[in-house]
Amino acid sequence: MAVIIDEQEEFARDWDWYAVDQDGRIGHFTSAGMRLLPKSVMQDRETTELIARYFFEQAPVVGKWTVRPEAEADGGGWKKQGFDRFVRDFALMASKGLFSFDTDPLFRTEKGRYYLVAVPERFLLVNELPQDIGRRLSRICVPLRFTECPYIQESITAAW
């Protein structure tokens, strides 16, 4: 039986979670402890943590990445923590072929959203992953294209 993430824990830490778009490309999202997690993420803590460990610790680098030009403004500027520190995890995910999204600070928008930070030059497809990781990741297949979505509203991702 899957262990769920309870509502208190949802906002007590920064969760990394993943989704597959309609073309099989993979998106990485970080909640910063400020966003509702998708229902399918909430229902299976073990899978959520297993996929995050895979991408942070095991997945190979597949190529270079770029930062979306508007990402600095979306994040409120990088002066406080510096560019390298801000983009570190987003760049890591993009270097592994994933589109990497951060979340708007709560005070910046009435309706929360994720914004694209780092874009891979070579996209990793879900069918290129180890079978178990690909199968587990495919539980969140979304009807959009990450190549066309610099912003995704929390109200959309929460239903996934």
N, C-alpha and C. Protein backbone atom coordinates (compact mmCIF):
# COMPACT_ATOMS: atom_id res chain seq x y z
N MET A 1 0.84 -1.18 0.00
CA MET A 1 0.00 0.00 0.00
C MET A 1 0.89 1.25 0.00
N ALA A 2 0.58 2.19 -0.86
CA ALA A 2 1.39 3.40 -1.00
C ALA A 2 1.22 4.31 0.21
N VAL A 3 2.32 4.94 0.60
CA VAL A 3 2.30 5.92 1.69
C VAL A 3 2.01 7.29 1.07
N ILE A 4 1.04 7.97 1.64
CA ILE A 4 0.67 9.27 1.10
C ILE A 4 1.48 10.40 1.76
N ILE A 5 1.51 11.53 1.10
CA ILE A 5 2.07 12.75 1.66
C ILE A 5 0.90 13.51 2.25
N ASP A 6 0.92 13.76 3.56
CA ASP A 6 -0.22 14.45 4.15
C ASP A 6 -0.12 15.96 3.92
N GLU A 7 -1.23 16.66 4.14
CA GLU A 7 -1.32 18.09 3.83
C GLU A 7 -0.32 18.92 4.62
N GLN A 8 -0.04 18.56 5.86
CA GLN A 8 0.94 19.31 6.65
C GLN A 8 2.34 19.18 6.05
N GLU A 9 2.69 17.98 5.66
CA GLU A 9 4.01 17.73 5.09
C GLU A 9 4.17 18.36 3.70
N GLU A 10 3.07 18.48 3.00
CA GLU A 10 3.08 19.08 1.66
C GLU A 10 3.72 20.46 1.66
N PHE A 11 3.46 21.23 2.71
CA PHE A 11 3.97 22.60 2.79
C PHE A 11 5.13 22.75 3.76
N ALA A 12 5.63 21.64 4.28
CA ALA A 12 6.73 21.69 5.25
C ALA A 12 8.10 21.53 4.59
N ARG A 13 8.12 21.21 3.29
CA ARG A 13 9.40 21.04 2.62
C ARG A 13 9.27 21.34 1.13
N ASP A 14 10.39 21.46 0.50
CA ASP A 14 10.47 21.69 -0.94
C ASP A 14 10.45 20.33 -1.63
N TRP A 15 9.39 20.04 -2.35
CA TRP A 15 9.25 18.77 -3.05
C TRP A 15 9.69 18.91 -4.50
N ASP A 16 10.44 17.95 -4.98
CA ASP A 16 10.74 17.83 -6.40
C ASP A 16 9.83 16.76 -6.95
N TRP A 17 9.11 17.10 -8.00
CA TRP A 17 8.23 16.12 -8.63
C TRP A 17 8.33 16.27 -10.15
N TYR A 18 7.81 15.28 -10.86
CA TYR A 18 8.06 15.16 -12.29
C TYR A 18 6.79 14.79 -13.03
N ALA A 19 6.73 15.18 -14.32
CA ALA A 19 5.59 14.86 -15.17
C ALA A 19 6.10 14.63 -16.59
N VAL A 20 5.28 13.96 -17.38
CA VAL A 20 5.59 13.67 -18.77
C VAL A 20 4.56 14.40 -19.64
N ASP A 21 5.05 15.13 -20.66
CA ASP A 21 4.11 15.84 -21.54
C ASP A 21 3.60 14.93 -22.65
N GLN A 22 2.74 15.46 -23.49
CA GLN A 22 2.10 14.63 -24.52
C GLN A 22 3.07 14.10 -25.57
N ASP A 23 4.28 14.66 -25.63
CA ASP A 23 5.30 14.17 -26.56
C ASP A 23 6.32 13.25 -25.89
N GLY A 24 6.12 12.94 -24.60
CA GLY A 24 7.03 12.06 -23.88
C GLY A 24 8.21 12.79 -23.24
N ARG A 25 8.23 14.13 -23.33
CA ARG A 25 9.29 14.90 -22.69
C ARG A 25 9.00 15.00 -21.19
N ILE A 26 10.04 15.24 -20.41
CA ILE A 26 9.91 15.20 -18.95
C ILE A 26 10.10 16.59 -18.36
N GLY A 27 9.23 16.93 -17.43
CA GLY A 27 9.34 18.19 -16.70
C GLY A 27 9.67 17.92 -15.25
N HIS A 28 10.53 18.76 -14.69
CA HIS A 28 10.89 18.73 -13.27
C HIS A 28 10.27 19.98 -12.64
N PHE A 29 9.63 19.81 -11.50
CA PHE A 29 8.97 20.92 -10.81
C PHE A 29 9.44 20.92 -9.36
N THR A 30 9.62 22.11 -8.81
CA THR A 30 9.96 22.23 -7.40
C THR A 30 8.90 23.09 -6.73
N SER A 31 8.34 22.57 -5.65
CA SER A 31 7.21 23.23 -4.99
C SER A 31 7.62 24.35 -4.04
N ALA A 32 8.86 24.33 -3.57
CA ALA A 32 9.37 25.29 -2.60
C ALA A 32 8.51 25.33 -1.33
N GLY A 33 7.74 24.30 -1.10
CA GLY A 33 6.86 24.26 0.07
C GLY A 33 5.72 25.26 -0.03
N MET A 34 5.47 25.79 -1.25
CA MET A 34 4.46 26.83 -1.43
C MET A 34 3.33 26.44 -2.37
N ARG A 35 3.41 25.31 -3.00
CA ARG A 35 2.42 24.92 -3.99
C ARG A 35 1.75 23.62 -3.61
N LEU A 36 0.49 23.50 -3.99
CA LEU A 36 -0.21 22.23 -3.87
C LEU A 36 0.48 21.22 -4.77
N LEU A 37 0.69 20.04 -4.27
CA LEU A 37 1.27 18.98 -5.08
C LEU A 37 0.17 18.31 -5.92
N PRO A 38 0.51 17.79 -7.07
CA PRO A 38 -0.48 17.04 -7.84
C PRO A 38 -1.03 15.87 -7.01
N LYS A 39 -2.28 15.53 -7.27
CA LYS A 39 -2.91 14.44 -6.53
C LYS A 39 -2.11 13.15 -6.63
N SER A 40 -1.62 12.83 -7.82
CA SER A 40 -0.88 11.58 -8.00
C SER A 40 0.44 11.59 -7.25
N VAL A 41 1.04 12.75 -7.04
CA VAL A 41 2.26 12.86 -6.24
C VAL A 41 1.93 12.64 -4.77
N MET A 42 0.86 13.26 -4.31
CA MET A 42 0.43 13.13 -2.91
C MET A 42 0.11 11.68 -2.54
N GLN A 43 -0.38 10.92 -3.49
CA GLN A 43 -0.84 9.56 -3.21
C GLN A 43 0.28 8.53 -3.13
N ASP A 44 1.52 8.91 -3.52
CA ASP A 44 2.58 7.91 -3.53
C ASP A 44 3.94 8.54 -3.22
N ARG A 45 4.20 8.70 -1.94
CA ARG A 45 5.44 9.31 -1.47
C ARG A 45 6.67 8.53 -1.93
N GLU A 46 6.62 7.21 -1.84
CA GLU A 46 7.76 6.37 -2.22
C GLU A 46 8.16 6.61 -3.67
N THR A 47 7.20 6.63 -4.58
CA THR A 47 7.50 6.87 -5.99
C THR A 47 8.04 8.27 -6.20
N THR A 48 7.46 9.24 -5.54
CA THR A 48 7.93 10.63 -5.66
C THR A 48 9.39 10.74 -5.25
N GLU A 49 9.74 10.15 -4.14
CA GLU A 49 11.12 10.21 -3.65
C GLU A 49 12.07 9.36 -4.50
N LEU A 50 11.62 8.22 -4.97
CA LEU A 50 12.44 7.35 -5.81
C LEU A 50 12.81 8.06 -7.13
N ILE A 51 11.85 8.70 -7.76
CA ILE A 51 12.10 9.40 -9.02
C ILE A 51 13.06 10.57 -8.78
N ALA A 52 12.86 11.32 -7.71
CA ALA A 52 13.77 12.44 -7.40
C ALA A 52 15.19 11.93 -7.17
N ARG A 53 15.34 10.86 -6.42
CA ARG A 53 16.68 10.30 -6.19
C ARG A 53 17.32 9.87 -7.51
N TYR A 54 16.54 9.25 -8.38
CA TYR A 54 17.07 8.82 -9.67
C TYR A 54 17.64 10.02 -10.44
N PHE A 55 16.86 11.07 -10.57
CA PHE A 55 17.33 12.21 -11.38
C PHE A 55 18.46 12.98 -10.70
N PHE A 56 18.44 13.11 -9.39
CA PHE A 56 19.51 13.84 -8.71
C PHE A 56 20.80 13.02 -8.61
N GLU A 57 20.69 11.70 -8.44
CA GLU A 57 21.86 10.89 -8.11
C GLU A 57 22.33 9.93 -9.20
N GLN A 58 21.44 9.49 -10.08
CA GLN A 58 21.81 8.41 -11.01
C GLN A 58 21.71 8.77 -12.48
N ALA A 59 20.75 9.57 -12.85
CA ALA A 59 20.53 9.86 -14.27
C ALA A 59 21.77 10.51 -14.89
N PRO A 60 22.16 10.07 -16.07
CA PRO A 60 23.34 10.65 -16.71
C PRO A 60 23.05 12.03 -17.32
N VAL A 61 24.10 12.81 -17.43
CA VAL A 61 24.01 14.09 -18.13
C VAL A 61 23.91 13.77 -19.62
N VAL A 62 22.98 14.42 -20.31
CA VAL A 62 22.79 14.16 -21.74
C VAL A 62 23.15 15.34 -22.62
N GLY A 63 23.38 16.51 -22.01
CA GLY A 63 23.72 17.66 -22.85
C GLY A 63 23.72 18.97 -22.10
N LYS A 64 23.86 20.02 -22.89
CA LYS A 64 23.89 21.38 -22.35
C LYS A 64 22.47 21.89 -22.10
N TRP A 65 22.41 23.06 -21.51
CA TRP A 65 21.14 23.67 -21.15
C TRP A 65 21.26 25.18 -21.28
N THR A 66 20.11 25.84 -21.30
CA THR A 66 20.07 27.30 -21.29
C THR A 66 19.04 27.75 -20.26
N VAL A 67 19.19 28.97 -19.79
CA VAL A 67 18.21 29.56 -18.88
C VAL A 67 17.24 30.39 -19.73
N ARG A 68 15.96 30.20 -19.50
CA ARG A 68 14.95 31.01 -20.20
C ARG A 68 15.18 32.47 -19.81
N PRO A 69 15.28 33.38 -20.79
CA PRO A 69 15.64 34.78 -20.49
C PRO A 69 14.76 35.46 -19.43
N GLU A 70 13.50 35.13 -19.37
CA GLU A 70 12.58 35.77 -18.41
C GLU A 70 12.65 35.16 -17.02
N ALA A 71 13.41 34.11 -16.84
CA ALA A 71 13.43 33.40 -15.55
C ALA A 71 13.94 34.28 -14.41
N GLU A 72 14.91 35.13 -14.68
CA GLU A 72 15.41 35.99 -13.60
C GLU A 72 14.32 36.91 -13.08
N ALA A 73 13.59 37.55 -13.98
CA ALA A 73 12.50 38.43 -13.55
C ALA A 73 11.40 37.63 -12.85
N ASP A 74 11.09 36.44 -13.37
CA ASP A 74 10.06 35.61 -12.75
C ASP A 74 10.44 35.22 -11.32
N GLY A 75 11.74 35.01 -11.09
CA GLY A 75 12.22 34.62 -9.77
C GLY A 75 12.51 35.78 -8.84
N GLY A 76 12.31 37.00 -9.30
CA GLY A 76 12.54 38.16 -8.45
C GLY A 76 13.98 38.61 -8.41
N GLY A 77 14.78 38.17 -9.38
CA GLY A 77 16.19 38.57 -9.44
C GLY A 77 17.10 37.61 -8.71
N TRP A 78 18.36 37.61 -9.10
CA TRP A 78 19.32 36.67 -8.53
C TRP A 78 20.37 37.33 -7.65
N LYS A 79 20.25 38.62 -7.41
CA LYS A 79 21.27 39.32 -6.64
C LYS A 79 21.45 38.74 -5.25
N LYS A 80 20.36 38.40 -4.60
CA LYS A 80 20.41 37.93 -3.22
C LYS A 80 21.25 36.65 -3.07
N GLN A 81 21.00 35.67 -3.93
CA GLN A 81 21.71 34.40 -3.79
C GLN A 81 22.71 34.12 -4.89
N GLY A 82 22.71 34.92 -5.93
CA GLY A 82 23.65 34.73 -7.03
C GLY A 82 23.12 33.77 -8.08
N PHE A 83 23.52 34.00 -9.31
CA PHE A 83 23.06 33.19 -10.44
C PHE A 83 23.38 31.71 -10.26
N ASP A 84 24.63 31.39 -9.95
CA ASP A 84 25.04 29.98 -9.86
C ASP A 84 24.24 29.21 -8.82
N ARG A 85 24.05 29.82 -7.69
CA ARG A 85 23.29 29.14 -6.63
C ARG A 85 21.82 28.98 -7.01
N PHE A 86 21.26 30.04 -7.60
CA PHE A 86 19.84 29.98 -7.97
C PHE A 86 19.58 28.88 -9.00
N VAL A 87 20.39 28.82 -10.04
CA VAL A 87 20.10 27.88 -11.13
C VAL A 87 20.67 26.48 -10.93
N ARG A 88 21.42 26.23 -9.88
CA ARG A 88 22.12 24.97 -9.69
C ARG A 88 21.25 23.73 -9.94
N ASP A 89 20.17 23.55 -9.20
CA ASP A 89 19.34 22.36 -9.36
C ASP A 89 18.57 22.36 -10.68
N PHE A 90 18.15 23.54 -11.13
CA PHE A 90 17.42 23.63 -12.40
C PHE A 90 18.36 23.26 -13.55
N ALA A 91 19.59 23.74 -13.49
CA ALA A 91 20.59 23.41 -14.51
C ALA A 91 20.91 21.92 -14.49
N LEU A 92 21.02 21.35 -13.30
CA LEU A 92 21.30 19.93 -13.18
C LEU A 92 20.21 19.12 -13.89
N MET A 93 18.95 19.44 -13.62
CA MET A 93 17.85 18.72 -14.25
C MET A 93 17.86 18.92 -15.77
N ALA A 94 18.09 20.14 -16.22
CA ALA A 94 18.11 20.41 -17.67
C ALA A 94 19.28 19.71 -18.34
N SER A 95 20.41 19.58 -17.64
CA SER A 95 21.56 18.88 -18.22
C SER A 95 21.26 17.39 -18.40
N LYS A 96 20.24 16.92 -17.69
CA LYS A 96 19.83 15.52 -17.80
C LYS A 96 18.66 15.36 -18.77
N GLY A 97 18.31 16.46 -19.46
CA GLY A 97 17.30 16.41 -20.51
C GLY A 97 15.91 16.81 -20.10
N LEU A 98 15.73 17.38 -18.91
CA LEU A 98 14.42 17.74 -18.39
C LEU A 98 14.17 19.25 -18.49
N PHE A 99 12.92 19.62 -18.68
CA PHE A 99 12.50 21.01 -18.57
C PHE A 99 12.34 21.26 -17.06
N SER A 100 12.97 22.30 -16.54
CA SER A 100 12.99 22.48 -15.09
C SER A 100 12.27 23.76 -14.69
N PHE A 101 11.25 23.59 -13.85
CA PHE A 101 10.36 24.67 -13.43
C PHE A 101 10.52 25.00 -11.95
N ASP A 102 10.49 26.29 -11.63
CA ASP A 102 10.45 26.78 -10.26
C ASP A 102 9.04 27.29 -10.00
N THR A 103 8.78 27.71 -8.78
CA THR A 103 7.48 28.25 -8.44
C THR A 103 7.59 29.73 -8.12
N ASP A 104 6.57 30.47 -8.50
CA ASP A 104 6.50 31.88 -8.12
C ASP A 104 6.49 32.00 -6.61
N PRO A 105 7.17 33.00 -6.07
CA PRO A 105 6.99 33.27 -4.64
C PRO A 105 5.52 33.61 -4.38
N LEU A 106 5.01 33.20 -3.25
CA LEU A 106 3.58 33.41 -2.97
C LEU A 106 3.13 34.85 -3.11
N PHE A 107 3.97 35.78 -2.73
CA PHE A 107 3.54 37.18 -2.73
C PHE A 107 3.52 37.79 -4.13
N ARG A 108 4.03 37.12 -5.14
CA ARG A 108 4.15 37.71 -6.47
C ARG A 108 2.89 37.59 -7.31
N THR A 109 2.08 36.56 -7.10
CA THR A 109 0.90 36.36 -7.93
C THR A 109 -0.27 35.94 -7.07
N GLU A 110 -1.46 36.34 -7.51
CA GLU A 110 -2.66 35.91 -6.79
C GLU A 110 -2.88 34.42 -6.98
N LYS A 111 -2.71 33.97 -8.20
CA LYS A 111 -2.86 32.55 -8.50
C LYS A 111 -1.47 31.99 -8.74
N GLY A 112 -1.10 31.02 -7.93
CA GLY A 112 0.24 30.46 -8.03
C GLY A 112 0.50 29.81 -9.37
N ARG A 113 1.77 29.81 -9.74
CA ARG A 113 2.15 29.17 -10.99
C ARG A 113 3.60 28.70 -10.90
N TYR A 114 3.93 27.80 -11.80
CA TYR A 114 5.30 27.38 -12.01
C TYR A 114 5.81 28.11 -13.24
N TYR A 115 7.09 28.45 -13.23
CA TYR A 115 7.69 29.08 -14.40
C TYR A 115 8.94 28.31 -14.81
N LEU A 116 9.17 28.24 -16.11
CA LEU A 116 10.29 27.51 -16.66
C LEU A 116 11.58 28.27 -16.42
N VAL A 117 12.57 27.61 -15.83
CA VAL A 117 13.87 28.21 -15.56
C VAL A 117 14.90 27.72 -16.58
N ALA A 118 15.10 26.41 -16.65
CA ALA A 118 16.17 25.85 -17.48
C ALA A 118 15.59 24.91 -18.54
N VAL A 119 16.16 25.04 -19.74
CA VAL A 119 15.69 24.28 -20.90
C VAL A 119 16.84 23.41 -21.42
N PRO A 120 16.59 22.13 -21.62
CA PRO A 120 17.65 21.26 -22.14
C PRO A 120 17.86 21.49 -23.64
N GLU A 121 19.10 21.35 -24.08
CA GLU A 121 19.34 21.38 -25.52
C GLU A 121 18.92 20.06 -26.15
N ARG A 122 19.10 18.96 -25.40
CA ARG A 122 18.66 17.63 -25.84
C ARG A 122 17.60 17.15 -24.87
N PHE A 123 16.40 16.90 -25.38
CA PHE A 123 15.29 16.47 -24.54
C PHE A 123 15.38 14.98 -24.25
N LEU A 124 15.24 14.61 -23.00
CA LEU A 124 15.14 13.21 -22.62
C LEU A 124 13.68 12.79 -22.76
N LEU A 125 13.44 11.63 -23.33
CA LEU A 125 12.09 11.11 -23.46
C LEU A 125 11.86 10.01 -22.44
N VAL A 126 10.63 9.89 -21.98
CA VAL A 126 10.31 8.92 -20.93
C VAL A 126 10.67 7.50 -21.35
N ASN A 127 10.56 7.17 -22.64
CA ASN A 127 10.87 5.82 -23.09
C ASN A 127 12.37 5.53 -23.12
N GLU A 128 13.21 6.53 -22.81
CA GLU A 128 14.65 6.33 -22.72
C GLU A 128 15.11 6.02 -21.29
N LEU A 129 14.20 6.08 -20.36
CA LEU A 129 14.52 5.84 -18.95
C LEU A 129 14.55 4.36 -18.64
N PRO A 130 15.21 3.97 -17.53
CA PRO A 130 15.07 2.60 -17.07
C PRO A 130 13.58 2.28 -16.92
N GLN A 131 13.20 1.06 -17.22
CA GLN A 131 11.80 0.68 -17.30
C GLN A 131 10.99 1.04 -16.04
N ASP A 132 11.51 0.73 -14.86
CA ASP A 132 10.76 1.00 -13.63
C ASP A 132 10.56 2.50 -13.41
N ILE A 133 11.60 3.28 -13.66
CA ILE A 133 11.49 4.74 -13.49
C ILE A 133 10.50 5.30 -14.50
N GLY A 134 10.61 4.88 -15.75
CA GLY A 134 9.70 5.35 -16.79
C GLY A 134 8.25 5.00 -16.49
N ARG A 135 8.02 3.78 -16.02
CA ARG A 135 6.66 3.36 -15.68
C ARG A 135 6.09 4.20 -14.54
N ARG A 136 6.89 4.41 -13.52
CA ARG A 136 6.42 5.20 -12.37
C ARG A 136 6.22 6.66 -12.76
N LEU A 137 7.13 7.19 -13.55
CA LEU A 137 7.01 8.59 -13.97
C LEU A 137 5.79 8.80 -14.85
N SER A 138 5.42 7.82 -15.63
CA SER A 138 4.29 7.94 -16.55
C SER A 138 2.95 8.05 -15.86
N ARG A 139 2.92 7.95 -14.54
CA ARG A 139 1.64 8.12 -13.83
C ARG A 139 1.14 9.55 -13.95
N ILE A 140 2.03 10.49 -14.30
CA ILE A 140 1.60 11.87 -14.52
C ILE A 140 1.92 12.24 -15.97
N CYS A 141 0.98 11.92 -16.86
CA CYS A 141 1.08 12.31 -18.27
C CYS A 141 0.12 13.47 -18.47
N VAL A 142 0.64 14.57 -18.99
CA VAL A 142 -0.16 15.80 -19.04
C VAL A 142 -0.43 16.22 -20.48
N PRO A 143 -1.60 16.81 -20.72
CA PRO A 143 -2.02 17.17 -22.08
C PRO A 143 -1.49 18.54 -22.52
N LEU A 144 -0.18 18.69 -22.47
CA LEU A 144 0.45 19.93 -22.93
C LEU A 144 1.86 19.61 -23.38
N ARG A 145 2.53 20.63 -23.93
CA ARG A 145 3.92 20.46 -24.38
C ARG A 145 4.79 21.41 -23.57
N PHE A 146 5.80 20.86 -22.91
CA PHE A 146 6.70 21.71 -22.12
C PHE A 146 7.44 22.71 -23.00
N THR A 147 7.63 22.39 -24.28
CA THR A 147 8.29 23.32 -25.21
C THR A 147 7.45 24.56 -25.45
N GLU A 148 6.16 24.51 -25.12
CA GLU A 148 5.24 25.62 -25.37
C GLU A 148 4.70 26.26 -24.09
N CYS A 149 5.25 25.89 -22.94
CA CYS A 149 4.69 26.32 -21.65
C CYS A 149 5.72 26.98 -20.75
N PRO A 150 5.96 28.27 -20.91
CA PRO A 150 6.86 28.92 -19.96
C PRO A 150 6.22 29.08 -18.58
N TYR A 151 4.89 28.99 -18.52
CA TYR A 151 4.16 29.11 -17.26
C TYR A 151 3.07 28.05 -17.21
N ILE A 152 2.90 27.46 -16.02
CA ILE A 152 1.83 26.49 -15.81
C ILE A 152 1.19 26.82 -14.47
N GLN A 153 -0.10 27.07 -14.48
CA GLN A 153 -0.82 27.45 -13.26
C GLN A 153 -0.92 26.29 -12.28
N GLU A 154 -0.79 26.62 -10.99
CA GLU A 154 -0.94 25.63 -9.93
C GLU A 154 -2.29 24.94 -9.99
N SER A 155 -3.32 25.67 -10.37
CA SER A 155 -4.66 25.07 -10.45
C SER A 155 -4.70 23.93 -11.47
N ILE A 156 -3.84 23.98 -12.47
CA ILE A 156 -3.75 22.90 -13.47
C ILE A 156 -2.92 21.74 -12.90
N THR A 157 -1.74 22.04 -12.36
CA THR A 157 -0.87 20.96 -11.88
C THR A 157 -1.46 20.22 -10.68
N ALA A 158 -2.23 20.89 -9.84
CA ALA A 158 -2.79 20.25 -8.65
C ALA A 158 -3.74 19.12 -9.03
N ALA A 159 -4.35 19.19 -10.20
CA ALA A 159 -5.29 18.16 -10.63
C ALA A 159 -4.60 16.95 -11.26
N TRP A 160 -3.32 17.05 -11.58
CA TRP A 160 -2.62 15.96 -12.27
C TRP A 160 -2.50 14.74 -11.40
